[in-house]
Amino acid sequence: MTLYYSLVFALLMLEMGIFMVLILPLPLTWRRQMFTFISTNPLIAKLQYGLKITFIFILILFIDSVNRVYRVQRELSDATSAGNGVRGGGAAILGHERTEVQARKFYSQRNMYLCGFTLFLSLILNRTYVLILDILRLEEEVKLGRSTGNKSVQDYESLKEELRKKDIELQAMKEQSKGLGRAYDELSDQIKAESTPKKSK
């Protein structure tokens, strides 16, 4: 394996390790601290920028390896069709050439799968990272909503109790006003009754 494919393989192993860390069932506080560190650290931001450039080169290697697989496959099919017309000593040469083409095909396919899986895992890692950040944000909002919700339930209960007290006071005032109205009517009737005989005298 050439040096750059060895580096791609090392990057694939690193991505697999990072993915395993991301999906570990860590406590919420640890996970929040880890993601806060990853999102705010300037060194990691530079590293992510460098990795984006690296993935562009891996994409170029992937396209090149797909092209080589296609070319080797075509050579193999050409050699097979040419070998069908050759007999005797030519068949031994064809067998040796066929083995060499098969080996080249294997290496090209290996390189294509290596680059393809590295690119695919980078997309999965990016999406997983974004989803976990969303989950942490939503958990924070739910926690705030619960604390606010408990407070609002308490406020609602206290307001309900105050309303009940005011309702009782209002009923008492209504009864009192009815009593005052009756007393006023009685008093006004009594005053009329007292003033009427005086006029007759």
N, C-alpha and C. Protein backbone atom coordinates (compact mmCIF):
# COMPACT_ATOMS: atom_id res chain seq x y z
N MET A 1 0.86 -1.18 0.00
CA MET A 1 0.00 0.00 0.00
C MET A 1 0.90 1.24 0.00
N THR A 2 0.59 2.17 -0.89
CA THR A 2 1.39 3.38 -0.97
C THR A 2 1.16 4.26 0.25
N LEU A 3 2.00 5.31 0.38
CA LEU A 3 1.96 6.15 1.57
C LEU A 3 0.61 6.86 1.71
N TYR A 4 0.08 7.40 0.62
CA TYR A 4 -1.17 8.15 0.77
C TYR A 4 -2.35 7.24 1.08
N TYR A 5 -2.34 6.01 0.57
CA TYR A 5 -3.41 5.08 0.95
C TYR A 5 -3.24 4.61 2.40
N SER A 6 -1.99 4.54 2.87
CA SER A 6 -1.76 4.22 4.28
C SER A 6 -2.31 5.35 5.16
N LEU A 7 -2.13 6.61 4.72
CA LEU A 7 -2.68 7.74 5.46
C LEU A 7 -4.22 7.73 5.45
N VAL A 8 -4.79 7.34 4.31
CA VAL A 8 -6.25 7.24 4.23
C VAL A 8 -6.74 6.16 5.19
N PHE A 9 -6.02 5.04 5.26
CA PHE A 9 -6.40 3.97 6.18
C PHE A 9 -6.30 4.44 7.64
N ALA A 10 -5.23 5.19 7.95
CA ALA A 10 -5.08 5.73 9.32
C ALA A 10 -6.22 6.69 9.63
N LEU A 11 -6.61 7.50 8.65
CA LEU A 11 -7.73 8.42 8.85
C LEU A 11 -9.04 7.66 9.06
N LEU A 12 -9.21 6.56 8.33
CA LEU A 12 -10.41 5.72 8.50
C LEU A 12 -10.46 5.15 9.92
N MET A 13 -9.32 4.68 10.42
CA MET A 13 -9.27 4.13 11.79
C MET A 13 -9.57 5.24 12.82
N LEU A 14 -9.05 6.45 12.57
CA LEU A 14 -9.32 7.58 13.46
C LEU A 14 -10.81 7.93 13.46
N GLU A 15 -11.41 7.93 12.29
CA GLU A 15 -12.84 8.22 12.19
C GLU A 15 -13.67 7.17 12.93
N MET A 16 -13.26 5.90 12.82
CA MET A 16 -13.98 4.84 13.53
C MET A 16 -13.88 5.02 15.04
N GLY A 17 -12.69 5.43 15.51
CA GLY A 17 -12.51 5.68 16.94
C GLY A 17 -13.37 6.85 17.41
N ILE A 18 -13.39 7.93 16.63
CA ILE A 18 -14.20 9.10 16.99
C ILE A 18 -15.68 8.72 17.01
N PHE A 19 -16.10 7.93 16.03
CA PHE A 19 -17.50 7.51 15.97
C PHE A 19 -17.88 6.68 17.21
N MET A 20 -16.97 5.80 17.63
CA MET A 20 -17.25 4.99 18.83
C MET A 20 -17.37 5.89 20.06
N VAL A 21 -16.53 6.94 20.15
CA VAL A 21 -16.62 7.86 21.29
C VAL A 21 -17.95 8.62 21.24
N LEU A 22 -18.38 9.01 20.04
CA LEU A 22 -19.63 9.78 19.91
C LEU A 22 -20.84 8.97 20.34
N ILE A 23 -20.84 7.67 20.06
CA ILE A 23 -22.04 6.88 20.37
C ILE A 23 -21.98 6.22 21.74
N LEU A 24 -20.89 6.46 22.49
CA LEU A 24 -20.83 5.90 23.85
C LEU A 24 -21.93 6.53 24.71
N PRO A 25 -22.56 5.75 25.58
CA PRO A 25 -23.60 6.32 26.45
C PRO A 25 -22.98 7.05 27.65
N LEU A 26 -22.44 8.23 27.39
CA LEU A 26 -21.81 9.02 28.45
C LEU A 26 -22.87 9.78 29.24
N PRO A 27 -22.56 10.14 30.49
CA PRO A 27 -23.50 11.00 31.24
C PRO A 27 -23.69 12.34 30.53
N LEU A 28 -24.83 12.94 30.76
CA LEU A 28 -25.19 14.17 30.04
C LEU A 28 -24.21 15.29 30.29
N THR A 29 -23.72 15.42 31.51
CA THR A 29 -22.78 16.52 31.81
C THR A 29 -21.46 16.31 31.09
N TRP A 30 -20.95 15.08 31.06
CA TRP A 30 -19.71 14.80 30.34
C TRP A 30 -19.88 15.08 28.86
N ARG A 31 -20.99 14.59 28.33
CA ARG A 31 -21.23 14.78 26.89
C ARG A 31 -21.33 16.28 26.56
N ARG A 32 -22.02 17.04 27.41
CA ARG A 32 -22.17 18.48 27.16
C ARG A 32 -20.80 19.17 27.22
N GLN A 33 -19.97 18.79 28.22
CA GLN A 33 -18.64 19.40 28.33
C GLN A 33 -17.78 19.05 27.13
N MET A 34 -17.86 17.79 26.68
CA MET A 34 -17.06 17.37 25.53
C MET A 34 -17.46 18.14 24.28
N PHE A 35 -18.77 18.28 24.05
CA PHE A 35 -19.21 18.96 22.84
C PHE A 35 -19.01 20.48 22.93
N THR A 36 -19.08 21.02 24.13
CA THR A 36 -18.76 22.44 24.30
C THR A 36 -17.29 22.67 23.99
N PHE A 37 -16.42 21.77 24.45
CA PHE A 37 -14.99 21.88 24.15
C PHE A 37 -14.73 21.78 22.65
N ILE A 38 -15.39 20.80 22.00
CA ILE A 38 -15.18 20.61 20.55
C ILE A 38 -15.67 21.82 19.77
N SER A 39 -16.82 22.40 20.17
CA SER A 39 -17.38 23.51 19.40
C SER A 39 -16.64 24.82 19.63
N THR A 40 -16.01 24.99 20.78
CA THR A 40 -15.42 26.30 21.08
C THR A 40 -13.90 26.34 20.95
N ASN A 41 -13.25 25.19 20.87
CA ASN A 41 -11.79 25.18 20.80
C ASN A 41 -11.31 25.61 19.42
N PRO A 42 -10.45 26.65 19.33
CA PRO A 42 -9.98 27.11 18.01
C PRO A 42 -9.05 26.11 17.33
N LEU A 43 -8.30 25.32 18.11
CA LEU A 43 -7.41 24.33 17.53
C LEU A 43 -8.21 23.25 16.80
N ILE A 44 -9.33 22.82 17.39
CA ILE A 44 -10.17 21.81 16.75
C ILE A 44 -10.84 22.39 15.51
N ALA A 45 -11.16 23.69 15.54
CA ALA A 45 -11.75 24.33 14.35
C ALA A 45 -10.75 24.31 13.19
N LYS A 46 -9.47 24.57 13.49
CA LYS A 46 -8.43 24.51 12.44
C LYS A 46 -8.26 23.09 11.94
N LEU A 47 -8.32 22.13 12.88
CA LEU A 47 -8.19 20.72 12.51
C LEU A 47 -9.34 20.30 11.60
N GLN A 48 -10.56 20.75 11.90
CA GLN A 48 -11.71 20.42 11.06
C GLN A 48 -11.55 21.03 9.66
N TYR A 49 -11.01 22.24 9.60
CA TYR A 49 -10.77 22.88 8.30
C TYR A 49 -9.74 22.08 7.49
N GLY A 50 -8.68 21.64 8.16
CA GLY A 50 -7.66 20.83 7.49
C GLY A 50 -8.23 19.50 7.01
N LEU A 51 -9.13 18.91 7.82
CA LEU A 51 -9.74 17.63 7.42
C LEU A 51 -10.64 17.80 6.20
N LYS A 52 -11.31 18.95 6.10
CA LYS A 52 -12.15 19.18 4.91
C LYS A 52 -11.30 19.19 3.65
N ILE A 53 -10.14 19.82 3.72
CA ILE A 53 -9.23 19.83 2.57
C ILE A 53 -8.73 18.41 2.29
N THR A 54 -8.43 17.66 3.36
CA THR A 54 -7.96 16.28 3.19
C THR A 54 -9.03 15.43 2.52
N PHE A 55 -10.29 15.66 2.88
CA PHE A 55 -11.36 14.86 2.27
C PHE A 55 -11.55 15.20 0.79
N ILE A 56 -11.19 16.41 0.39
CA ILE A 56 -11.22 16.74 -1.05
C ILE A 56 -10.19 15.89 -1.78
N PHE A 57 -8.98 15.76 -1.19
CA PHE A 57 -7.96 14.91 -1.81
C PHE A 57 -8.38 13.44 -1.82
N ILE A 58 -9.05 13.00 -0.75
CA ILE A 58 -9.52 11.61 -0.71
C ILE A 58 -10.60 11.39 -1.77
N LEU A 59 -11.44 12.40 -2.01
CA LEU A 59 -12.44 12.30 -3.08
C LEU A 59 -11.76 12.15 -4.44
N ILE A 60 -10.67 12.89 -4.64
CA ILE A 60 -9.92 12.76 -5.90
C ILE A 60 -9.33 11.35 -6.02
N LEU A 61 -8.79 10.83 -4.91
CA LEU A 61 -8.26 9.46 -4.92
C LEU A 61 -9.37 8.44 -5.18
N PHE A 62 -10.54 8.69 -4.63
CA PHE A 62 -11.68 7.78 -4.86
C PHE A 62 -12.06 7.77 -6.34
N ILE A 63 -12.16 8.95 -6.94
CA ILE A 63 -12.51 9.02 -8.37
C ILE A 63 -11.44 8.32 -9.21
N ASP A 64 -10.15 8.53 -8.85
CA ASP A 64 -9.06 7.87 -9.58
C ASP A 64 -9.13 6.36 -9.42
N SER A 65 -9.44 5.88 -8.21
CA SER A 65 -9.50 4.42 -8.00
C SER A 65 -10.69 3.81 -8.73
N VAL A 66 -11.83 4.54 -8.79
CA VAL A 66 -12.97 4.04 -9.57
C VAL A 66 -12.60 3.95 -11.04
N ASN A 67 -11.88 4.95 -11.53
CA ASN A 67 -11.43 4.95 -12.93
C ASN A 67 -10.49 3.77 -13.19
N ARG A 68 -9.59 3.49 -12.24
CA ARG A 68 -8.66 2.36 -12.42
C ARG A 68 -9.39 1.02 -12.40
N VAL A 69 -10.37 0.89 -11.51
CA VAL A 69 -11.15 -0.36 -11.47
C VAL A 69 -11.84 -0.57 -12.81
N TYR A 70 -12.42 0.48 -13.34
CA TYR A 70 -13.11 0.37 -14.63
C TYR A 70 -12.12 0.00 -15.73
N ARG A 71 -10.93 0.63 -15.72
CA ARG A 71 -9.92 0.36 -16.77
C ARG A 71 -9.40 -1.08 -16.66
N VAL A 72 -9.13 -1.54 -15.43
CA VAL A 72 -8.61 -2.90 -15.23
C VAL A 72 -9.68 -3.92 -15.62
N GLN A 73 -10.94 -3.62 -15.29
CA GLN A 73 -12.03 -4.53 -15.67
C GLN A 73 -12.13 -4.65 -17.18
N ARG A 74 -11.92 -3.52 -17.87
CA ARG A 74 -11.98 -3.55 -19.33
C ARG A 74 -10.80 -4.35 -19.91
N GLU A 75 -9.61 -4.15 -19.28
CA GLU A 75 -8.44 -4.94 -19.73
C GLU A 75 -8.68 -6.42 -19.53
N LEU A 76 -9.28 -6.77 -18.40
CA LEU A 76 -9.55 -8.18 -18.09
C LEU A 76 -10.53 -8.77 -19.09
N SER A 77 -11.57 -8.02 -19.41
CA SER A 77 -12.54 -8.54 -20.38
C SER A 77 -11.93 -8.62 -21.78
N ASP A 78 -11.05 -7.64 -22.13
CA ASP A 78 -10.36 -7.69 -23.43
C ASP A 78 -9.43 -8.89 -23.50
N ALA A 79 -8.70 -9.13 -22.39
CA ALA A 79 -7.76 -10.26 -22.36
C ALA A 79 -8.52 -11.58 -22.43
N THR A 80 -9.68 -11.66 -21.79
CA THR A 80 -10.47 -12.89 -21.81
C THR A 80 -11.02 -13.14 -23.21
N SER A 81 -11.51 -12.08 -23.87
CA SER A 81 -12.04 -12.27 -25.22
C SER A 81 -10.92 -12.58 -26.21
N ALA A 82 -9.71 -11.98 -26.02
CA ALA A 82 -8.58 -12.28 -26.89
C ALA A 82 -8.06 -13.69 -26.62
N GLY A 83 -8.14 -14.15 -25.36
CA GLY A 83 -7.66 -15.48 -24.98
C GLY A 83 -8.51 -16.59 -25.55
N ASN A 84 -9.75 -16.30 -25.85
CA ASN A 84 -10.63 -17.33 -26.41
C ASN A 84 -10.18 -17.71 -27.81
N GLY A 85 -9.49 -16.80 -28.53
CA GLY A 85 -9.03 -17.10 -29.87
C GLY A 85 -7.64 -17.69 -29.90
N VAL A 86 -6.87 -17.63 -28.77
CA VAL A 86 -5.49 -18.11 -28.73
C VAL A 86 -5.48 -19.55 -28.24
N ARG A 87 -4.62 -20.39 -28.84
CA ARG A 87 -4.51 -21.78 -28.40
C ARG A 87 -3.05 -22.13 -28.15
N GLY A 88 -2.79 -23.18 -27.42
CA GLY A 88 -1.44 -23.70 -27.20
C GLY A 88 -0.65 -22.83 -26.26
N GLY A 89 0.58 -22.40 -26.68
CA GLY A 89 1.50 -21.64 -25.82
C GLY A 89 0.97 -20.29 -25.44
N GLY A 90 0.15 -19.72 -26.28
CA GLY A 90 -0.43 -18.41 -25.98
C GLY A 90 -1.32 -18.45 -24.76
N ALA A 91 -1.92 -19.59 -24.44
CA ALA A 91 -2.83 -19.70 -23.30
C ALA A 91 -2.06 -19.57 -22.00
N ALA A 92 -0.81 -20.06 -21.94
CA ALA A 92 0.01 -19.95 -20.72
C ALA A 92 0.34 -18.48 -20.47
N ILE A 93 0.65 -17.74 -21.51
CA ILE A 93 0.95 -16.31 -21.35
C ILE A 93 -0.30 -15.58 -20.89
N LEU A 94 -1.43 -15.97 -21.46
CA LEU A 94 -2.69 -15.35 -21.07
C LEU A 94 -2.99 -15.60 -19.60
N GLY A 95 -2.69 -16.79 -19.10
CA GLY A 95 -2.92 -17.10 -17.69
C GLY A 95 -2.06 -16.23 -16.78
N HIS A 96 -0.79 -16.02 -17.16
CA HIS A 96 0.11 -15.17 -16.37
C HIS A 96 -0.38 -13.72 -16.39
N GLU A 97 -0.75 -13.27 -17.59
CA GLU A 97 -1.27 -11.89 -17.70
C GLU A 97 -2.58 -11.74 -16.94
N ARG A 98 -3.39 -12.76 -16.99
CA ARG A 98 -4.68 -12.70 -16.29
C ARG A 98 -4.46 -12.57 -14.79
N THR A 99 -3.48 -13.29 -14.24
CA THR A 99 -3.18 -13.20 -12.82
C THR A 99 -2.72 -11.79 -12.46
N GLU A 100 -1.89 -11.21 -13.31
CA GLU A 100 -1.41 -9.84 -13.05
C GLU A 100 -2.57 -8.84 -13.10
N VAL A 101 -3.46 -9.00 -14.06
CA VAL A 101 -4.61 -8.10 -14.18
C VAL A 101 -5.56 -8.28 -12.99
N GLN A 102 -5.72 -9.55 -12.56
CA GLN A 102 -6.57 -9.82 -11.39
C GLN A 102 -5.99 -9.14 -10.14
N ALA A 103 -4.66 -9.19 -10.00
CA ALA A 103 -4.01 -8.55 -8.85
C ALA A 103 -4.21 -7.03 -8.91
N ARG A 104 -4.04 -6.46 -10.09
CA ARG A 104 -4.26 -5.01 -10.24
C ARG A 104 -5.71 -4.65 -9.95
N LYS A 105 -6.62 -5.51 -10.38
CA LYS A 105 -8.04 -5.28 -10.11
C LYS A 105 -8.32 -5.30 -8.60
N PHE A 106 -7.71 -6.27 -7.91
CA PHE A 106 -7.90 -6.36 -6.46
C PHE A 106 -7.40 -5.10 -5.76
N TYR A 107 -6.18 -4.64 -6.11
CA TYR A 107 -5.63 -3.44 -5.47
C TYR A 107 -6.46 -2.20 -5.78
N SER A 108 -6.94 -2.11 -7.01
CA SER A 108 -7.76 -0.95 -7.38
C SER A 108 -9.08 -0.96 -6.61
N GLN A 109 -9.69 -2.13 -6.49
CA GLN A 109 -10.94 -2.23 -5.73
C GLN A 109 -10.71 -1.94 -4.25
N ARG A 110 -9.58 -2.45 -3.72
CA ARG A 110 -9.26 -2.17 -2.32
C ARG A 110 -9.13 -0.67 -2.09
N ASN A 111 -8.42 0.01 -2.96
CA ASN A 111 -8.25 1.46 -2.83
C ASN A 111 -9.59 2.20 -2.97
N MET A 112 -10.43 1.73 -3.88
CA MET A 112 -11.74 2.36 -4.08
C MET A 112 -12.59 2.20 -2.82
N TYR A 113 -12.62 0.98 -2.24
CA TYR A 113 -13.41 0.76 -1.04
C TYR A 113 -12.86 1.55 0.15
N LEU A 114 -11.54 1.62 0.25
CA LEU A 114 -10.91 2.35 1.33
C LEU A 114 -11.28 3.83 1.28
N CYS A 115 -11.14 4.44 0.12
CA CYS A 115 -11.49 5.87 -0.03
C CYS A 115 -12.99 6.08 0.13
N GLY A 116 -13.78 5.18 -0.45
CA GLY A 116 -15.23 5.32 -0.36
C GLY A 116 -15.74 5.22 1.06
N PHE A 117 -15.23 4.24 1.83
CA PHE A 117 -15.67 4.10 3.22
C PHE A 117 -15.20 5.28 4.07
N THR A 118 -14.01 5.79 3.78
CA THR A 118 -13.52 6.95 4.53
C THR A 118 -14.40 8.17 4.30
N LEU A 119 -14.76 8.40 3.04
CA LEU A 119 -15.64 9.53 2.72
C LEU A 119 -17.03 9.33 3.33
N PHE A 120 -17.55 8.13 3.21
CA PHE A 120 -18.88 7.84 3.74
C PHE A 120 -18.93 8.01 5.26
N LEU A 121 -17.90 7.51 5.94
CA LEU A 121 -17.85 7.64 7.40
C LEU A 121 -17.69 9.09 7.82
N SER A 122 -17.00 9.90 7.01
CA SER A 122 -16.88 11.32 7.35
C SER A 122 -18.25 12.00 7.29
N LEU A 123 -19.08 11.63 6.31
CA LEU A 123 -20.43 12.18 6.24
C LEU A 123 -21.28 11.73 7.44
N ILE A 124 -21.15 10.47 7.81
CA ILE A 124 -21.90 9.94 8.95
C ILE A 124 -21.46 10.64 10.24
N LEU A 125 -20.13 10.84 10.39
CA LEU A 125 -19.62 11.52 11.58
C LEU A 125 -20.16 12.95 11.68
N ASN A 126 -20.14 13.65 10.56
CA ASN A 126 -20.63 15.02 10.55
C ASN A 126 -22.11 15.08 10.93
N ARG A 127 -22.90 14.18 10.35
CA ARG A 127 -24.34 14.17 10.64
C ARG A 127 -24.61 13.77 12.10
N THR A 128 -23.86 12.79 12.61
CA THR A 128 -24.01 12.36 13.99
C THR A 128 -23.67 13.49 14.95
N TYR A 129 -22.59 14.22 14.64
CA TYR A 129 -22.17 15.36 15.47
C TYR A 129 -23.27 16.42 15.52
N VAL A 130 -23.84 16.74 14.36
CA VAL A 130 -24.91 17.75 14.30
C VAL A 130 -26.15 17.28 15.07
N LEU A 131 -26.50 16.00 14.92
CA LEU A 131 -27.68 15.46 15.62
C LEU A 131 -27.48 15.47 17.14
N ILE A 132 -26.28 15.12 17.60
CA ILE A 132 -26.03 15.12 19.04
C ILE A 132 -26.08 16.54 19.58
N LEU A 133 -25.55 17.51 18.82
CA LEU A 133 -25.65 18.91 19.25
C LEU A 133 -27.11 19.34 19.35
N ASP A 134 -27.94 18.93 18.39
CA ASP A 134 -29.37 19.24 18.44
C ASP A 134 -30.04 18.60 19.66
N ILE A 135 -29.68 17.35 19.94
CA ILE A 135 -30.25 16.65 21.09
C ILE A 135 -29.88 17.37 22.39
N LEU A 136 -28.60 17.79 22.51
CA LEU A 136 -28.18 18.50 23.71
C LEU A 136 -28.92 19.82 23.87
N ARG A 137 -29.12 20.53 22.75
CA ARG A 137 -29.85 21.81 22.79
C ARG A 137 -31.30 21.58 23.21
N LEU A 138 -31.92 20.54 22.64
CA LEU A 138 -33.32 20.24 22.99
C LEU A 138 -33.46 19.80 24.45
N GLU A 139 -32.49 19.01 24.94
CA GLU A 139 -32.54 18.61 26.35
C GLU A 139 -32.42 19.81 27.26
N GLU A 140 -31.59 20.78 26.86
CA GLU A 140 -31.45 22.01 27.64
C GLU A 140 -32.77 22.79 27.65
N GLU A 141 -33.42 22.86 26.48
CA GLU A 141 -34.70 23.56 26.39
C GLU A 141 -35.78 22.86 27.21
N VAL A 142 -35.77 21.53 27.20
CA VAL A 142 -36.75 20.77 27.98
C VAL A 142 -36.52 21.01 29.47
N LYS A 143 -35.25 21.02 29.88
CA LYS A 143 -34.95 21.27 31.28
C LYS A 143 -35.42 22.66 31.70
N LEU A 144 -35.15 23.65 30.85
CA LEU A 144 -35.63 25.01 31.14
C LEU A 144 -37.15 25.07 31.16
N GLY A 145 -37.77 24.36 30.21
CA GLY A 145 -39.23 24.33 30.15
C GLY A 145 -39.83 23.69 31.38
N ARG A 146 -39.19 22.64 31.89
CA ARG A 146 -39.70 21.98 33.10
C ARG A 146 -39.60 22.89 34.30
N SER A 147 -38.44 23.57 34.44
CA SER A 147 -38.29 24.46 35.59
C SER A 147 -39.25 25.64 35.47
N THR A 148 -39.40 26.18 34.26
CA THR A 148 -40.36 27.26 34.05
C THR A 148 -41.78 26.74 34.20
N GLY A 149 -42.02 25.53 33.73
CA GLY A 149 -43.34 24.92 33.84
C GLY A 149 -43.75 24.71 35.28
N ASN A 150 -42.82 24.24 36.13
CA ASN A 150 -43.13 24.08 37.54
C ASN A 150 -43.45 25.42 38.19
N LYS A 151 -42.65 26.43 37.80
CA LYS A 151 -42.89 27.76 38.35
C LYS A 151 -44.24 28.29 37.90
N SER A 152 -44.57 28.07 36.62
CA SER A 152 -45.86 28.57 36.12
C SER A 152 -47.02 27.80 36.73
N VAL A 153 -46.84 26.51 37.02
CA VAL A 153 -47.89 25.74 37.68
C VAL A 153 -48.10 26.28 39.10
N GLN A 154 -46.99 26.59 39.77
CA GLN A 154 -47.11 27.16 41.11
C GLN A 154 -47.80 28.52 41.05
N ASP A 155 -47.41 29.34 40.06
CA ASP A 155 -48.06 30.65 39.89
C ASP A 155 -49.54 30.48 39.61
N TYR A 156 -49.88 29.51 38.78
CA TYR A 156 -51.27 29.26 38.44
C TYR A 156 -52.07 28.86 39.68
N GLU A 157 -51.47 27.97 40.49
CA GLU A 157 -52.16 27.51 41.71
C GLU A 157 -52.36 28.67 42.69
N SER A 158 -51.32 29.52 42.84
CA SER A 158 -51.46 30.64 43.77
C SER A 158 -52.50 31.64 43.27
N LEU A 159 -52.51 31.89 41.94
CA LEU A 159 -53.51 32.79 41.38
C LEU A 159 -54.92 32.22 41.54
N LYS A 160 -55.03 30.91 41.39
CA LYS A 160 -56.33 30.26 41.54
C LYS A 160 -56.83 30.41 42.98
N GLU A 161 -55.88 30.26 43.94
CA GLU A 161 -56.25 30.41 45.35
C GLU A 161 -56.66 31.85 45.65
N GLU A 162 -55.92 32.80 45.10
CA GLU A 162 -56.29 34.21 45.29
C GLU A 162 -57.66 34.50 44.69
N LEU A 163 -57.91 33.95 43.52
CA LEU A 163 -59.21 34.16 42.87
C LEU A 163 -60.34 33.58 43.72
N ARG A 164 -60.10 32.42 44.33
CA ARG A 164 -61.11 31.80 45.19
C ARG A 164 -61.39 32.69 46.40
N LYS A 165 -60.30 33.24 47.00
CA LYS A 165 -60.48 34.14 48.15
C LYS A 165 -61.25 35.39 47.75
N LYS A 166 -60.89 35.95 46.59
CA LYS A 166 -61.59 37.15 46.13
C LYS A 166 -63.06 36.85 45.86
N ASP A 167 -63.32 35.65 45.34
CA ASP A 167 -64.70 35.25 45.07
C ASP A 167 -65.50 35.16 46.38
N ILE A 168 -64.87 34.62 47.42
CA ILE A 168 -65.53 34.54 48.73
C ILE A 168 -65.79 35.95 49.27
N GLU A 169 -64.75 36.82 49.13
CA GLU A 169 -64.93 38.20 49.58
C GLU A 169 -66.05 38.89 48.81
N LEU A 170 -66.11 38.63 47.50
CA LEU A 170 -67.15 39.24 46.67
C LEU A 170 -68.54 38.77 47.11
N GLN A 171 -68.68 37.48 47.39
CA GLN A 171 -69.96 36.96 47.87
C GLN A 171 -70.34 37.60 49.21
N ALA A 172 -69.34 37.76 50.08
CA ALA A 172 -69.60 38.39 51.38
C ALA A 172 -70.03 39.84 51.19
N MET A 173 -69.38 40.54 50.27
CA MET A 173 -69.75 41.94 50.01
C MET A 173 -71.15 42.03 49.40
N LYS A 174 -71.49 41.05 48.54
CA LYS A 174 -72.85 41.05 47.99
C LYS A 174 -73.89 40.86 49.10
N GLU A 175 -73.62 39.91 49.99
CA GLU A 175 -74.54 39.68 51.11
C GLU A 175 -74.63 40.93 51.99
N GLN A 176 -73.46 41.55 52.20
CA GLN A 176 -73.43 42.76 53.02
C GLN A 176 -74.22 43.88 52.35
N SER A 177 -74.04 44.02 51.01
CA SER A 177 -74.78 45.09 50.31
C SER A 177 -76.28 44.82 50.33
N LYS A 178 -76.66 43.51 50.22
CA LYS A 178 -78.09 43.19 50.32
C LYS A 178 -78.63 43.55 51.71
N GLY A 179 -77.84 43.22 52.74
CA GLY A 179 -78.23 43.55 54.11
C GLY A 179 -78.33 45.06 54.30
N LEU A 180 -77.34 45.78 53.74
CA LEU A 180 -77.38 47.23 53.83
C LEU A 180 -78.58 47.80 53.08
N GLY A 181 -78.90 47.20 51.94
CA GLY A 181 -80.06 47.65 51.16
C GLY A 181 -81.34 47.45 51.94
N ARG A 182 -81.46 46.25 52.59
CA ARG A 182 -82.65 45.99 53.40
C ARG A 182 -82.73 46.96 54.58
N ALA A 183 -81.57 47.19 55.22
CA ALA A 183 -81.56 48.11 56.37
C ALA A 183 -81.91 49.53 55.92
N TYR A 184 -81.44 49.93 54.74
CA TYR A 184 -81.75 51.27 54.20
C TYR A 184 -83.25 51.39 53.92
N ASP A 185 -83.80 50.31 53.31
CA ASP A 185 -85.24 50.33 53.02
C ASP A 185 -86.06 50.42 54.31
N GLU A 186 -85.65 49.61 55.29
CA GLU A 186 -86.37 49.64 56.57
C GLU A 186 -86.26 51.02 57.23
N LEU A 187 -85.05 51.57 57.20
CA LEU A 187 -84.84 52.88 57.81
C LEU A 187 -85.63 53.96 57.08
N SER A 188 -85.63 53.91 55.75
CA SER A 188 -86.38 54.92 54.98
C SER A 188 -87.88 54.77 55.23
N ASP A 189 -88.36 53.51 55.35
CA ASP A 189 -89.79 53.28 55.67
C ASP A 189 -90.12 53.83 57.05
N GLN A 190 -89.21 53.62 57.99
CA GLN A 190 -89.42 54.10 59.36
C GLN A 190 -89.44 55.63 59.38
N ILE A 191 -88.54 56.26 58.64
CA ILE A 191 -88.50 57.73 58.60
C ILE A 191 -89.76 58.27 57.95
N LYS A 192 -90.24 57.63 56.92
CA LYS A 192 -91.48 58.06 56.26
C LYS A 192 -92.66 57.92 57.21
N ALA A 193 -92.63 56.79 57.93
CA ALA A 193 -93.74 56.54 58.87
C ALA A 193 -93.74 57.59 59.98
N GLU A 194 -92.58 57.97 60.45
CA GLU A 194 -92.50 58.96 61.52
C GLU A 194 -92.85 60.35 61.02
N SER A 195 -92.48 60.65 59.81
CA SER A 195 -92.73 62.00 59.29
C SER A 195 -94.19 62.17 58.87
N THR A 196 -94.87 61.16 58.49
CA THR A 196 -96.25 61.25 58.07
C THR A 196 -97.18 61.64 59.19
N PRO A 197 -97.19 61.11 60.37
CA PRO A 197 -98.07 61.52 61.43
C PRO A 197 -97.86 62.98 61.85
N LYS A 198 -96.59 63.45 61.77
CA LYS A 198 -96.33 64.83 62.18
C LYS A 198 -97.08 65.77 61.27
N LYS A 199 -97.17 65.46 59.98
CA LYS A 199 -97.89 66.33 59.03
C LYS A 199 -99.36 66.35 59.33
N SER A 200 -99.91 65.22 59.74
CA SER A 200 -101.35 65.15 60.04
C SER A 200 -101.68 65.97 61.28
N LYS A 201 -100.83 66.08 62.24
CA LYS A 201 -101.05 66.90 63.43
C LYS A 201 -101.00 68.34 63.05
